[in-house]
Every structure is written in structure tokens, then in C-alpha cells.
Amino acid sequence: MLKWLAIVLIVLLALLQYRLWLGEGGIRDLALVRERVAALEAENKPLRDRNARLAAEVVDLKTGLDAIEERGRSDIGMVRADEQFFWVPGVAVEATRREVGAGLAESAPRPTEASR
């Protein structure tokens, strides 16, 4: 009788070990889930960094006038009342982008083949 009980217990232990190591929700699945989590974390890191930069920019825009002035100058080409703006025809687009801002330079009409 004791011999049969020992055999039954060993078989149960073997089944539990199989389920733990190879069955659904076992250690192999856990390793796969951990790999997937690591891949998603690596994918999300640049997005988190971008979100942090944007959040800092939002705080800066809400609290400081310097940031608002910088955005006005670079994005829409604004100048202060005590400043003068000079536009020089024939200046390269890259120089215009630095001076006026990428927003205005990209929206400016470009010459076509027919107008050259």
C-alpha cells in the first residue's frame, strides 16, 4: 500500500513539474512575456523622452515670456516693435529658415520650372 502511495505522489509531482515548466502559464511563457515587455519598454523609451521634453516645453510656455517670444520668432517670424526686419532676395532657403523660422520658409511659394 505504501509503495502505491509513493508511486502516485511521484506521478503527481511529475505532472505538476511538467505544468510548471512546459504547460500554459509556465516558466517558458513567463520568459516569453518578459522578452515582450523588454521589447515594448525599449520601444516606449524614445516616446517617454519626447513626452518629457514636450511637458517641459509646456511648462516653460506657461510660465515664461522668453519661451513665447522665441516661438514667435522662430515659428512665425515675428519681430519686436523696436526691431527692424530686412529681407534680402536671393538668400539661400537655409539662411531664411534660420532667420525667419522653418514655418515661414516651408510655406513660402517656390519657383516652378515654368517661372524660371
N, C-alpha and C. Protein backbone atom coordinates (compact mmCIF):
# COMPACT_ATOMS: atom_id res chain seq x y z
N MET A 1 0.82 -1.19 0.00
CA MET A 1 0.00 0.00 0.00
C MET A 1 0.87 1.26 0.00
N LEU A 2 1.87 1.29 0.79
CA LEU A 2 2.78 2.43 0.88
C LEU A 2 3.53 2.64 -0.43
N LYS A 3 3.82 1.52 -1.09
CA LYS A 3 4.52 1.59 -2.37
C LYS A 3 3.64 2.29 -3.41
N TRP A 4 2.34 1.98 -3.45
CA TRP A 4 1.42 2.60 -4.41
C TRP A 4 1.25 4.09 -4.10
N LEU A 5 1.20 4.43 -2.87
CA LEU A 5 1.07 5.84 -2.47
C LEU A 5 2.30 6.63 -2.93
N ALA A 6 3.47 6.06 -2.78
CA ALA A 6 4.70 6.72 -3.22
C ALA A 6 4.70 6.91 -4.74
N ILE A 7 4.24 5.89 -5.47
CA ILE A 7 4.18 5.98 -6.93
C ILE A 7 3.19 7.07 -7.35
N VAL A 8 2.03 7.13 -6.72
CA VAL A 8 1.02 8.15 -7.04
C VAL A 8 1.57 9.54 -6.75
N LEU A 9 2.25 9.70 -5.63
CA LEU A 9 2.82 11.01 -5.29
C LEU A 9 3.91 11.43 -6.27
N ILE A 10 4.72 10.50 -6.73
CA ILE A 10 5.77 10.80 -7.71
C ILE A 10 5.15 11.19 -9.04
N VAL A 11 4.09 10.49 -9.45
CA VAL A 11 3.40 10.83 -10.70
C VAL A 11 2.77 12.23 -10.59
N LEU A 12 2.14 12.55 -9.46
CA LEU A 12 1.56 13.87 -9.27
C LEU A 12 2.64 14.95 -9.30
N LEU A 13 3.76 14.68 -8.66
CA LEU A 13 4.86 15.63 -8.67
C LEU A 13 5.38 15.84 -10.10
N ALA A 14 5.48 14.78 -10.87
CA ALA A 14 5.95 14.88 -12.26
C ALA A 14 4.96 15.70 -13.09
N LEU A 15 3.66 15.49 -12.89
CA LEU A 15 2.65 16.26 -13.63
C LEU A 15 2.72 17.74 -13.26
N LEU A 16 2.89 18.03 -11.98
CA LEU A 16 2.99 19.42 -11.55
C LEU A 16 4.26 20.08 -12.11
N GLN A 17 5.35 19.34 -12.14
CA GLN A 17 6.59 19.88 -12.69
C GLN A 17 6.45 20.13 -14.20
N TYR A 18 5.80 19.22 -14.90
CA TYR A 18 5.57 19.41 -16.33
C TYR A 18 4.77 20.68 -16.56
N ARG A 19 3.69 20.83 -15.79
CA ARG A 19 2.83 22.01 -15.94
C ARG A 19 3.59 23.29 -15.60
N LEU A 20 4.44 23.21 -14.57
CA LEU A 20 5.21 24.39 -14.18
C LEU A 20 6.20 24.80 -15.26
N TRP A 21 6.93 23.86 -15.82
CA TRP A 21 7.99 24.18 -16.77
C TRP A 21 7.49 24.32 -18.21
N LEU A 22 6.58 23.46 -18.63
CA LEU A 22 6.21 23.42 -20.04
C LEU A 22 4.75 23.76 -20.32
N GLY A 23 3.91 23.77 -19.33
CA GLY A 23 2.48 23.98 -19.55
C GLY A 23 2.12 25.44 -19.77
N GLU A 24 0.83 25.66 -20.03
CA GLU A 24 0.33 27.01 -20.27
C GLU A 24 0.49 27.84 -19.00
N GLY A 25 1.07 29.03 -19.14
CA GLY A 25 1.30 29.89 -17.99
C GLY A 25 2.51 29.46 -17.18
N GLY A 26 3.33 28.63 -17.74
CA GLY A 26 4.51 28.14 -17.03
C GLY A 26 5.70 29.06 -17.19
N ILE A 27 6.85 28.56 -16.86
CA ILE A 27 8.06 29.36 -16.87
C ILE A 27 8.46 29.75 -18.29
N ARG A 28 8.22 28.89 -19.26
CA ARG A 28 8.54 29.23 -20.64
C ARG A 28 7.68 30.41 -21.10
N ASP A 29 6.40 30.40 -20.78
CA ASP A 29 5.54 31.53 -21.13
C ASP A 29 5.97 32.80 -20.41
N LEU A 30 6.39 32.65 -19.17
CA LEU A 30 6.87 33.80 -18.40
C LEU A 30 8.09 34.42 -19.06
N ALA A 31 9.00 33.60 -19.55
CA ALA A 31 10.19 34.11 -20.24
C ALA A 31 9.79 34.86 -21.51
N LEU A 32 8.82 34.33 -22.25
CA LEU A 32 8.35 35.00 -23.47
C LEU A 32 7.70 36.34 -23.15
N VAL A 33 6.92 36.38 -22.08
CA VAL A 33 6.27 37.62 -21.68
C VAL A 33 7.32 38.65 -21.25
N ARG A 34 8.33 38.21 -20.52
CA ARG A 34 9.39 39.14 -20.10
C ARG A 34 10.14 39.71 -21.30
N GLU A 35 10.40 38.88 -22.30
CA GLU A 35 11.06 39.37 -23.51
C GLU A 35 10.19 40.41 -24.22
N ARG A 36 8.91 40.14 -24.29
CA ARG A 36 7.99 41.08 -24.94
C ARG A 36 7.92 42.40 -24.17
N VAL A 37 7.90 42.32 -22.85
CA VAL A 37 7.88 43.54 -22.03
C VAL A 37 9.16 44.34 -22.26
N ALA A 38 10.30 43.67 -22.31
CA ALA A 38 11.57 44.37 -22.56
C ALA A 38 11.57 45.05 -23.92
N ALA A 39 11.03 44.38 -24.94
CA ALA A 39 10.97 44.98 -26.28
C ALA A 39 10.05 46.21 -26.28
N LEU A 40 8.91 46.11 -25.61
CA LEU A 40 7.98 47.24 -25.56
C LEU A 40 8.56 48.40 -24.76
N GLU A 41 9.29 48.10 -23.69
CA GLU A 41 9.94 49.16 -22.91
C GLU A 41 10.96 49.90 -23.77
N ALA A 42 11.74 49.15 -24.55
CA ALA A 42 12.72 49.78 -25.43
C ALA A 42 12.03 50.64 -26.49
N GLU A 43 10.89 50.18 -26.97
CA GLU A 43 10.13 50.93 -27.97
C GLU A 43 9.52 52.19 -27.36
N ASN A 44 9.11 52.13 -26.10
CA ASN A 44 8.45 53.25 -25.44
C ASN A 44 9.43 54.30 -24.91
N LYS A 45 10.69 53.95 -24.71
CA LYS A 45 11.65 54.90 -24.13
C LYS A 45 11.77 56.19 -24.94
N PRO A 46 11.95 56.14 -26.27
CA PRO A 46 12.02 57.41 -27.01
C PRO A 46 10.72 58.22 -26.90
N LEU A 47 9.60 57.52 -26.84
CA LEU A 47 8.32 58.24 -26.72
C LEU A 47 8.19 58.91 -25.35
N ARG A 48 8.66 58.23 -24.31
CA ARG A 48 8.65 58.84 -22.97
C ARG A 48 9.57 60.06 -22.92
N ASP A 49 10.74 59.95 -23.54
CA ASP A 49 11.67 61.08 -23.58
C ASP A 49 11.04 62.27 -24.32
N ARG A 50 10.38 61.98 -25.44
CA ARG A 50 9.72 63.04 -26.20
C ARG A 50 8.61 63.68 -25.37
N ASN A 51 7.84 62.87 -24.68
CA ASN A 51 6.77 63.41 -23.84
C ASN A 51 7.32 64.29 -22.72
N ALA A 52 8.46 63.89 -22.15
CA ALA A 52 9.08 64.69 -21.09
C ALA A 52 9.54 66.04 -21.64
N ARG A 53 10.14 66.03 -22.86
CA ARG A 53 10.56 67.30 -23.47
C ARG A 53 9.36 68.19 -23.76
N LEU A 54 8.28 67.60 -24.26
CA LEU A 54 7.08 68.40 -24.55
C LEU A 54 6.46 68.95 -23.27
N ALA A 55 6.44 68.14 -22.21
CA ALA A 55 5.90 68.62 -20.94
C ALA A 55 6.73 69.78 -20.39
N ALA A 56 8.05 69.68 -20.52
CA ALA A 56 8.91 70.78 -20.08
C ALA A 56 8.66 72.03 -20.91
N GLU A 57 8.45 71.84 -22.21
CA GLU A 57 8.17 72.99 -23.07
C GLU A 57 6.83 73.63 -22.72
N VAL A 58 5.84 72.81 -22.40
CA VAL A 58 4.53 73.35 -21.99
C VAL A 58 4.67 74.18 -20.72
N VAL A 59 5.40 73.66 -19.75
CA VAL A 59 5.60 74.40 -18.50
C VAL A 59 6.34 75.70 -18.79
N ASP A 60 7.35 75.64 -19.65
CA ASP A 60 8.11 76.83 -19.99
C ASP A 60 7.24 77.86 -20.69
N LEU A 61 6.37 77.41 -21.60
CA LEU A 61 5.48 78.33 -22.30
C LEU A 61 4.44 78.94 -21.37
N LYS A 62 4.00 78.18 -20.37
CA LYS A 62 3.01 78.70 -19.43
C LYS A 62 3.61 79.70 -18.46
N THR A 63 4.88 79.54 -18.13
CA THR A 63 5.46 80.36 -17.07
C THR A 63 6.37 81.47 -17.57
N GLY A 64 6.99 81.33 -18.73
CA GLY A 64 7.98 82.31 -19.14
C GLY A 64 7.64 82.98 -20.45
N LEU A 65 7.85 84.29 -20.48
CA LEU A 65 7.62 85.04 -21.71
C LEU A 65 8.74 84.84 -22.71
N ASP A 66 9.93 84.49 -22.25
CA ASP A 66 11.05 84.27 -23.17
C ASP A 66 10.76 83.12 -24.13
N ALA A 67 10.16 82.07 -23.62
CA ALA A 67 9.85 80.92 -24.48
C ALA A 67 8.80 81.29 -25.52
N ILE A 68 7.83 82.08 -25.12
CA ILE A 68 6.79 82.50 -26.06
C ILE A 68 7.40 83.39 -27.15
N GLU A 69 8.29 84.30 -26.74
CA GLU A 69 8.94 85.17 -27.70
C GLU A 69 9.80 84.36 -28.68
N GLU A 70 10.51 83.38 -28.16
CA GLU A 70 11.35 82.54 -29.02
C GLU A 70 10.50 81.78 -30.03
N ARG A 71 9.36 81.25 -29.59
CA ARG A 71 8.47 80.52 -30.50
C ARG A 71 7.92 81.46 -31.57
N GLY A 72 7.55 82.66 -31.19
CA GLY A 72 7.03 83.63 -32.15
C GLY A 72 8.07 83.98 -33.20
N ARG A 73 9.31 84.14 -32.76
CA ARG A 73 10.37 84.48 -33.69
C ARG A 73 10.68 83.32 -34.63
N SER A 74 10.82 82.12 -34.09
CA SER A 74 11.26 81.01 -34.92
C SER A 74 10.14 80.41 -35.77
N ASP A 75 8.93 80.35 -35.25
CA ASP A 75 7.85 79.68 -35.98
C ASP A 75 7.13 80.59 -36.96
N ILE A 76 6.86 81.83 -36.58
CA ILE A 76 6.07 82.68 -37.48
C ILE A 76 6.77 83.98 -37.85
N GLY A 77 8.05 84.10 -37.51
CA GLY A 77 8.84 85.23 -37.97
C GLY A 77 8.47 86.57 -37.37
N MET A 78 8.02 86.58 -36.15
CA MET A 78 7.64 87.83 -35.50
C MET A 78 8.89 88.62 -35.10
N VAL A 79 8.74 89.95 -35.07
CA VAL A 79 9.80 90.84 -34.59
C VAL A 79 9.19 91.80 -33.58
N ARG A 80 10.03 92.33 -32.69
CA ARG A 80 9.54 93.29 -31.70
C ARG A 80 9.33 94.66 -32.35
N ALA A 81 8.63 95.54 -31.64
CA ALA A 81 8.33 96.86 -32.18
C ALA A 81 9.60 97.69 -32.36
N ASP A 82 10.62 97.47 -31.53
CA ASP A 82 11.84 98.25 -31.62
C ASP A 82 12.89 97.62 -32.55
N GLU A 83 12.53 96.59 -33.29
CA GLU A 83 13.44 95.93 -34.20
C GLU A 83 13.02 96.19 -35.65
N GLN A 84 13.98 96.02 -36.55
CA GLN A 84 13.68 96.12 -37.97
C GLN A 84 14.04 94.80 -38.62
N PHE A 85 13.20 94.37 -39.55
CA PHE A 85 13.42 93.12 -40.26
C PHE A 85 13.80 93.44 -41.70
N PHE A 86 14.90 92.87 -42.17
CA PHE A 86 15.34 93.07 -43.54
C PHE A 86 15.30 91.74 -44.25
N TRP A 87 14.63 91.72 -45.39
CA TRP A 87 14.60 90.52 -46.22
C TRP A 87 15.46 90.78 -47.43
N VAL A 88 16.42 89.90 -47.66
CA VAL A 88 17.36 90.07 -48.77
C VAL A 88 17.01 89.03 -49.82
N PRO A 89 16.57 89.45 -51.01
CA PRO A 89 16.25 88.48 -52.05
C PRO A 89 17.51 87.73 -52.48
N GLY A 90 17.33 86.48 -52.82
CA GLY A 90 18.44 85.67 -53.28
C GLY A 90 19.19 84.95 -52.17
N VAL A 91 18.77 85.14 -50.93
CA VAL A 91 19.42 84.44 -49.83
C VAL A 91 18.94 83.00 -49.85
N ALA A 92 19.85 82.08 -49.56
CA ALA A 92 19.51 80.66 -49.59
C ALA A 92 18.38 80.36 -48.61
N VAL A 93 17.61 79.31 -48.94
CA VAL A 93 16.48 78.93 -48.11
C VAL A 93 16.94 78.57 -46.70
N GLU A 94 18.10 77.93 -46.55
CA GLU A 94 18.58 77.54 -45.22
C GLU A 94 18.82 78.76 -44.35
N ALA A 95 19.40 79.84 -44.93
CA ALA A 95 19.62 81.05 -44.15
C ALA A 95 18.28 81.67 -43.77
N THR A 96 17.31 81.64 -44.68
CA THR A 96 15.99 82.17 -44.38
C THR A 96 15.34 81.38 -43.25
N ARG A 97 15.52 80.07 -43.26
CA ARG A 97 14.93 79.26 -42.20
C ARG A 97 15.52 79.63 -40.85
N ARG A 98 16.82 79.90 -40.82
CA ARG A 98 17.43 80.27 -39.55
C ARG A 98 16.94 81.62 -39.08
N GLU A 99 16.77 82.55 -40.00
CA GLU A 99 16.40 83.90 -39.63
C GLU A 99 14.90 84.05 -39.36
N VAL A 100 14.09 83.50 -40.23
CA VAL A 100 12.65 83.70 -40.15
C VAL A 100 11.96 82.56 -39.42
N GLY A 101 12.45 81.37 -39.57
CA GLY A 101 11.82 80.21 -38.93
C GLY A 101 11.39 79.21 -39.98
N ALA A 102 11.41 77.97 -39.60
CA ALA A 102 11.07 76.89 -40.53
C ALA A 102 9.63 77.00 -41.03
N GLY A 103 8.73 77.50 -40.22
CA GLY A 103 7.33 77.58 -40.61
C GLY A 103 7.11 78.49 -41.80
N LEU A 104 7.74 79.67 -41.80
CA LEU A 104 7.55 80.59 -42.91
C LEU A 104 8.28 80.12 -44.16
N ALA A 105 9.48 79.59 -43.98
CA ALA A 105 10.26 79.16 -45.14
C ALA A 105 9.59 78.01 -45.87
N GLU A 106 8.95 77.12 -45.13
CA GLU A 106 8.28 75.99 -45.77
C GLU A 106 6.98 76.42 -46.45
N SER A 107 6.33 77.48 -45.94
CA SER A 107 5.07 77.90 -46.53
C SER A 107 5.27 78.90 -47.67
N ALA A 108 6.49 79.40 -47.86
CA ALA A 108 6.75 80.38 -48.93
C ALA A 108 6.62 79.69 -50.28
N PRO A 109 6.09 80.41 -51.28
CA PRO A 109 5.97 79.80 -52.62
C PRO A 109 7.36 79.57 -53.21
N ARG A 110 7.50 78.48 -53.88
CA ARG A 110 8.77 78.12 -54.50
C ARG A 110 8.62 78.28 -56.02
N PRO A 111 9.69 78.71 -56.70
CA PRO A 111 9.58 78.87 -58.17
C PRO A 111 9.39 77.53 -58.84
N THR A 112 8.60 77.55 -59.89
CA THR A 112 8.36 76.34 -60.67
C THR A 112 9.24 76.37 -61.90
N GLU A 113 9.25 75.28 -62.65
CA GLU A 113 10.04 75.20 -63.86
C GLU A 113 9.61 76.25 -64.88
N ALA A 114 8.31 76.52 -64.95
CA ALA A 114 7.78 77.47 -65.95
C ALA A 114 8.20 78.89 -65.63
N SER A 115 8.36 79.24 -64.35
CA SER A 115 8.67 80.63 -63.97
C SER A 115 10.15 80.92 -64.02
N ARG A 116 11.00 79.95 -64.27
CA ARG A 116 12.45 80.18 -64.31
C ARG A 116 12.90 80.74 -65.59
